Amino acid sequence: MRLIMSGINGHYLRYITDNFASQTEEVLAAVAYATKSSLLFDWCWENNIPLKFYGRLDAEVAVSIPILTSFLKKGLRSLHVALSNTITRKSSGGAELVSI
């Protein structure tokens, strides 16, 4: 398993998609503002890699409508989608869930 956080930890998604399709058994993705499907979502679909996607859905539709539509068109055989309008806010007493 590898945590991909781009410039934050030096691990970039493109490195995985270019080199490890045959070795990838499953993708767990938490993306708050998903606007393009080409790099990760389409790659999973094209390579028959199960995807568990956790995204944010709020009044501004943080996950774009075309991405949600493509999930529905492709079917849900190897896809798990969880959308939330709840965020976690840190407070002095620890983490606190806040519903938007």
N, C-alpha and C. Protein backbone atom coordinates (compact mmCIF):
# COMPACT_ATOMS: atom_id res chain seq x y z
N MET A 1 0.85 -1.17 0.00
CA MET A 1 0.00 0.00 0.00
C MET A 1 0.90 1.23 0.00
N ARG A 2 0.46 2.24 -0.74
CA ARG A 2 1.23 3.48 -0.80
C ARG A 2 0.29 4.66 -0.67
N LEU A 3 0.61 5.59 0.21
CA LEU A 3 -0.15 6.80 0.39
C LEU A 3 0.34 7.83 -0.62
N ILE A 4 -0.56 8.30 -1.47
CA ILE A 4 -0.22 9.26 -2.51
C ILE A 4 -0.69 10.65 -2.07
N MET A 5 0.26 11.55 -1.86
CA MET A 5 -0.09 12.91 -1.45
C MET A 5 0.66 13.95 -2.29
N SER A 6 1.10 13.56 -3.46
CA SER A 6 1.79 14.44 -4.40
C SER A 6 2.97 15.14 -3.74
N GLY A 7 3.00 16.45 -3.82
CA GLY A 7 4.13 17.21 -3.30
C GLY A 7 4.30 17.13 -1.80
N ILE A 8 3.26 16.76 -1.08
CA ILE A 8 3.35 16.69 0.38
C ILE A 8 4.30 15.59 0.81
N ASN A 9 4.22 14.42 0.18
CA ASN A 9 5.11 13.32 0.58
C ASN A 9 5.98 12.80 -0.56
N GLY A 10 5.90 13.43 -1.73
CA GLY A 10 6.76 13.03 -2.85
C GLY A 10 6.27 11.82 -3.63
N HIS A 11 5.10 11.32 -3.34
CA HIS A 11 4.52 10.20 -4.06
C HIS A 11 3.41 10.72 -4.97
N TYR A 12 3.57 10.48 -6.28
CA TYR A 12 2.64 11.01 -7.26
C TYR A 12 1.84 9.88 -7.91
N LEU A 13 0.57 10.14 -8.16
CA LEU A 13 -0.32 9.15 -8.74
C LEU A 13 0.15 8.67 -10.11
N ARG A 14 0.69 9.55 -10.91
CA ARG A 14 1.14 9.19 -12.26
C ARG A 14 2.19 8.07 -12.21
N TYR A 15 3.03 8.04 -11.19
CA TYR A 15 4.04 6.99 -11.05
C TYR A 15 3.36 5.62 -10.91
N ILE A 16 2.29 5.56 -10.14
CA ILE A 16 1.55 4.30 -9.96
C ILE A 16 0.85 3.90 -11.25
N THR A 17 0.13 4.83 -11.86
CA THR A 17 -0.64 4.50 -13.06
C THR A 17 0.25 4.13 -14.23
N ASP A 18 1.45 4.68 -14.30
CA ASP A 18 2.37 4.36 -15.39
C ASP A 18 3.12 3.05 -15.19
N ASN A 19 3.24 2.58 -13.96
CA ASN A 19 4.14 1.46 -13.69
C ASN A 19 3.54 0.24 -12.99
N PHE A 20 2.37 0.35 -12.38
CA PHE A 20 1.93 -0.73 -11.51
C PHE A 20 0.51 -1.23 -11.75
N ALA A 21 -0.03 -1.08 -12.94
CA ALA A 21 -1.40 -1.54 -13.20
C ALA A 21 -1.53 -3.04 -12.94
N SER A 22 -0.59 -3.83 -13.41
CA SER A 22 -0.69 -5.28 -13.27
C SER A 22 -0.50 -5.75 -11.82
N GLN A 23 0.11 -4.92 -10.98
CA GLN A 23 0.35 -5.30 -9.59
C GLN A 23 -0.66 -4.71 -8.62
N THR A 24 -1.56 -3.88 -9.12
CA THR A 24 -2.53 -3.21 -8.26
C THR A 24 -3.78 -4.06 -8.11
N GLU A 25 -4.11 -4.43 -6.87
CA GLU A 25 -5.27 -5.27 -6.60
C GLU A 25 -6.53 -4.46 -6.33
N GLU A 26 -6.36 -3.27 -5.75
CA GLU A 26 -7.50 -2.44 -5.38
C GLU A 26 -7.01 -1.02 -5.14
N VAL A 27 -7.88 -0.05 -5.38
CA VAL A 27 -7.56 1.35 -5.11
C VAL A 27 -8.57 1.89 -4.11
N LEU A 28 -8.05 2.48 -3.03
CA LEU A 28 -8.86 3.18 -2.05
C LEU A 28 -8.54 4.66 -2.22
N ALA A 29 -9.51 5.46 -2.62
CA ALA A 29 -9.25 6.87 -2.91
C ALA A 29 -10.18 7.77 -2.12
N ALA A 30 -9.60 8.71 -1.38
CA ALA A 30 -10.37 9.75 -0.69
C ALA A 30 -9.99 11.07 -1.34
N VAL A 31 -10.89 11.60 -2.13
CA VAL A 31 -10.63 12.82 -2.89
C VAL A 31 -11.78 13.78 -2.62
N ALA A 32 -11.50 14.87 -1.94
CA ALA A 32 -12.57 15.81 -1.57
C ALA A 32 -13.14 16.52 -2.79
N TYR A 33 -12.29 16.99 -3.68
CA TYR A 33 -12.74 17.77 -4.84
C TYR A 33 -12.32 17.07 -6.12
N ALA A 34 -13.10 16.11 -6.55
CA ALA A 34 -12.79 15.33 -7.76
C ALA A 34 -13.46 16.00 -8.96
N THR A 35 -12.65 16.48 -9.90
CA THR A 35 -13.21 17.18 -11.06
C THR A 35 -12.89 16.48 -12.38
N LYS A 36 -11.87 15.62 -12.39
CA LYS A 36 -11.50 14.91 -13.62
C LYS A 36 -11.40 13.42 -13.32
N SER A 37 -11.85 12.60 -14.25
CA SER A 37 -11.83 11.16 -14.02
C SER A 37 -10.71 10.46 -14.75
N SER A 38 -10.03 11.16 -15.64
CA SER A 38 -9.11 10.47 -16.55
C SER A 38 -7.93 9.79 -15.87
N LEU A 39 -7.34 10.41 -14.87
CA LEU A 39 -6.12 9.83 -14.31
C LEU A 39 -6.38 8.62 -13.43
N LEU A 40 -7.31 8.69 -12.52
CA LEU A 40 -7.50 7.59 -11.58
C LEU A 40 -8.72 6.73 -11.89
N PHE A 41 -9.87 7.33 -12.00
CA PHE A 41 -11.11 6.57 -12.15
C PHE A 41 -11.14 5.78 -13.45
N ASP A 42 -10.80 6.43 -14.55
CA ASP A 42 -10.78 5.73 -15.84
C ASP A 42 -9.69 4.66 -15.87
N TRP A 43 -8.56 4.93 -15.26
CA TRP A 43 -7.46 3.96 -15.19
C TRP A 43 -7.90 2.70 -14.46
N CYS A 44 -8.61 2.87 -13.35
CA CYS A 44 -9.13 1.71 -12.62
C CYS A 44 -10.09 0.92 -13.49
N TRP A 45 -10.98 1.61 -14.17
CA TRP A 45 -11.98 0.96 -15.02
C TRP A 45 -11.30 0.20 -16.16
N GLU A 46 -10.37 0.86 -16.84
CA GLU A 46 -9.69 0.26 -18.00
C GLU A 46 -8.84 -0.94 -17.62
N ASN A 47 -8.34 -0.97 -16.40
CA ASN A 47 -7.47 -2.06 -15.94
C ASN A 47 -8.19 -3.05 -15.04
N ASN A 48 -9.51 -2.94 -14.95
CA ASN A 48 -10.33 -3.84 -14.12
C ASN A 48 -9.85 -3.89 -12.67
N ILE A 49 -9.55 -2.73 -12.12
CA ILE A 49 -9.08 -2.63 -10.74
C ILE A 49 -10.24 -2.11 -9.89
N PRO A 50 -10.64 -2.87 -8.86
CA PRO A 50 -11.71 -2.40 -7.98
C PRO A 50 -11.35 -1.07 -7.33
N LEU A 51 -12.33 -0.18 -7.26
CA LEU A 51 -12.12 1.16 -6.71
C LEU A 51 -13.10 1.42 -5.58
N LYS A 52 -12.58 1.85 -4.45
CA LYS A 52 -13.41 2.36 -3.35
C LYS A 52 -13.12 3.85 -3.28
N PHE A 53 -14.13 4.63 -3.60
CA PHE A 53 -13.97 6.08 -3.69
C PHE A 53 -14.77 6.77 -2.60
N TYR A 54 -14.11 7.63 -1.87
CA TYR A 54 -14.74 8.44 -0.83
C TYR A 54 -14.59 9.89 -1.25
N GLY A 55 -15.71 10.56 -1.48
CA GLY A 55 -15.67 11.94 -1.96
C GLY A 55 -16.60 12.82 -1.15
N ARG A 56 -16.48 14.09 -1.40
CA ARG A 56 -17.30 15.07 -0.70
C ARG A 56 -18.38 15.58 -1.63
N LEU A 57 -19.60 15.62 -1.14
CA LEU A 57 -20.73 16.13 -1.91
C LEU A 57 -21.41 17.20 -1.06
N ASP A 58 -21.39 18.41 -1.56
CA ASP A 58 -22.03 19.50 -0.82
C ASP A 58 -22.76 20.41 -1.80
N ALA A 59 -23.19 21.55 -1.34
CA ALA A 59 -23.95 22.47 -2.18
C ALA A 59 -23.17 22.91 -3.41
N GLU A 60 -21.85 22.90 -3.32
CA GLU A 60 -21.00 23.28 -4.44
C GLU A 60 -20.62 22.08 -5.29
N VAL A 61 -21.13 20.89 -4.97
CA VAL A 61 -20.87 19.64 -5.67
C VAL A 61 -19.36 19.44 -5.86
N ALA A 62 -18.71 19.13 -4.76
CA ALA A 62 -17.26 18.95 -4.77
C ALA A 62 -16.82 17.82 -5.70
N VAL A 63 -17.65 16.80 -5.87
CA VAL A 63 -17.40 15.76 -6.86
C VAL A 63 -18.23 16.15 -8.08
N SER A 64 -17.59 16.30 -9.22
CA SER A 64 -18.29 16.82 -10.40
C SER A 64 -19.39 15.88 -10.88
N ILE A 65 -20.42 16.46 -11.45
CA ILE A 65 -21.54 15.69 -11.99
C ILE A 65 -21.09 14.72 -13.08
N PRO A 66 -20.20 15.12 -14.01
CA PRO A 66 -19.74 14.14 -15.01
C PRO A 66 -19.07 12.91 -14.40
N ILE A 67 -18.36 13.07 -13.30
CA ILE A 67 -17.74 11.91 -12.64
C ILE A 67 -18.82 11.00 -12.07
N LEU A 68 -19.78 11.58 -11.38
CA LEU A 68 -20.87 10.77 -10.83
C LEU A 68 -21.65 10.07 -11.93
N THR A 69 -21.90 10.76 -13.02
CA THR A 69 -22.61 10.17 -14.15
C THR A 69 -21.82 9.01 -14.74
N SER A 70 -20.51 9.16 -14.86
CA SER A 70 -19.69 8.07 -15.42
C SER A 70 -19.73 6.85 -14.51
N PHE A 71 -19.76 7.04 -13.18
CA PHE A 71 -19.88 5.92 -12.25
C PHE A 71 -21.17 5.15 -12.52
N LEU A 72 -22.25 5.86 -12.70
CA LEU A 72 -23.54 5.22 -12.92
C LEU A 72 -23.59 4.50 -14.27
N LYS A 73 -23.02 5.10 -15.30
CA LYS A 73 -23.02 4.49 -16.63
C LYS A 73 -22.17 3.23 -16.67
N LYS A 74 -21.08 3.21 -15.92
CA LYS A 74 -20.16 2.07 -15.95
C LYS A 74 -20.65 0.90 -15.11
N GLY A 75 -21.57 1.14 -14.23
CA GLY A 75 -22.05 0.07 -13.37
C GLY A 75 -21.26 0.02 -12.08
N LEU A 76 -21.74 -0.73 -11.14
CA LEU A 76 -21.13 -0.74 -9.82
C LEU A 76 -20.50 -2.08 -9.46
N ARG A 77 -20.13 -2.89 -10.44
CA ARG A 77 -19.55 -4.21 -10.14
C ARG A 77 -18.27 -4.10 -9.32
N SER A 78 -17.37 -3.23 -9.72
CA SER A 78 -16.09 -3.14 -9.03
C SER A 78 -15.86 -1.74 -8.46
N LEU A 79 -16.95 -1.08 -8.10
CA LEU A 79 -16.85 0.29 -7.64
C LEU A 79 -17.68 0.47 -6.38
N HIS A 80 -17.10 1.12 -5.40
CA HIS A 80 -17.80 1.48 -4.17
C HIS A 80 -17.64 2.99 -4.04
N VAL A 81 -18.74 3.72 -3.96
CA VAL A 81 -18.69 5.17 -3.85
C VAL A 81 -19.36 5.58 -2.55
N ALA A 82 -18.68 6.42 -1.77
CA ALA A 82 -19.25 6.98 -0.55
C ALA A 82 -19.10 8.49 -0.63
N LEU A 83 -20.22 9.18 -0.56
CA LEU A 83 -20.21 10.64 -0.59
C LEU A 83 -20.68 11.15 0.75
N SER A 84 -20.07 12.23 1.20
CA SER A 84 -20.40 12.75 2.52
C SER A 84 -20.51 14.27 2.47
N ASN A 85 -21.40 14.79 3.28
CA ASN A 85 -21.45 16.23 3.46
C ASN A 85 -21.06 16.57 4.90
N THR A 86 -20.29 15.68 5.51
CA THR A 86 -19.80 15.86 6.86
C THR A 86 -18.30 16.07 6.82
N ILE A 87 -17.82 17.02 7.56
CA ILE A 87 -16.39 17.27 7.61
C ILE A 87 -15.91 17.05 9.05
N THR A 88 -14.62 16.85 9.21
CA THR A 88 -14.03 16.71 10.54
C THR A 88 -13.29 18.00 10.86
N ARG A 89 -13.59 18.57 11.98
CA ARG A 89 -12.94 19.80 12.39
C ARG A 89 -12.16 19.51 13.66
N LYS A 90 -10.94 19.97 13.73
CA LYS A 90 -10.14 19.77 14.94
C LYS A 90 -10.52 20.83 15.96
N SER A 91 -10.67 20.39 17.19
CA SER A 91 -10.91 21.33 18.29
C SER A 91 -9.93 21.01 19.40
N SER A 92 -9.93 21.81 20.42
CA SER A 92 -8.98 21.59 21.52
C SER A 92 -9.22 20.26 22.21
N GLY A 93 -10.43 19.73 22.14
CA GLY A 93 -10.75 18.46 22.77
C GLY A 93 -10.59 17.27 21.84
N GLY A 94 -10.07 17.48 20.63
CA GLY A 94 -9.89 16.38 19.68
C GLY A 94 -10.69 16.65 18.41
N ALA A 95 -10.96 15.61 17.66
CA ALA A 95 -11.69 15.74 16.39
C ALA A 95 -13.19 15.81 16.67
N GLU A 96 -13.88 16.56 15.84
CA GLU A 96 -15.32 16.74 16.00
C GLU A 96 -15.96 16.66 14.62
N LEU A 97 -17.02 15.85 14.48
CA LEU A 97 -17.73 15.76 13.21
C LEU A 97 -18.75 16.88 13.13
N VAL A 98 -18.77 17.56 11.98
CA VAL A 98 -19.69 18.66 11.76
C VAL A 98 -20.47 18.38 10.49
N SER A 99 -21.80 18.42 10.58
CA SER A 99 -22.64 18.24 9.41
C SER A 99 -22.85 19.58 8.73
N ILE A 100 -22.71 19.60 7.43
CA ILE A 100 -22.89 20.84 6.67
C ILE A 100 -24.31 20.89 6.16
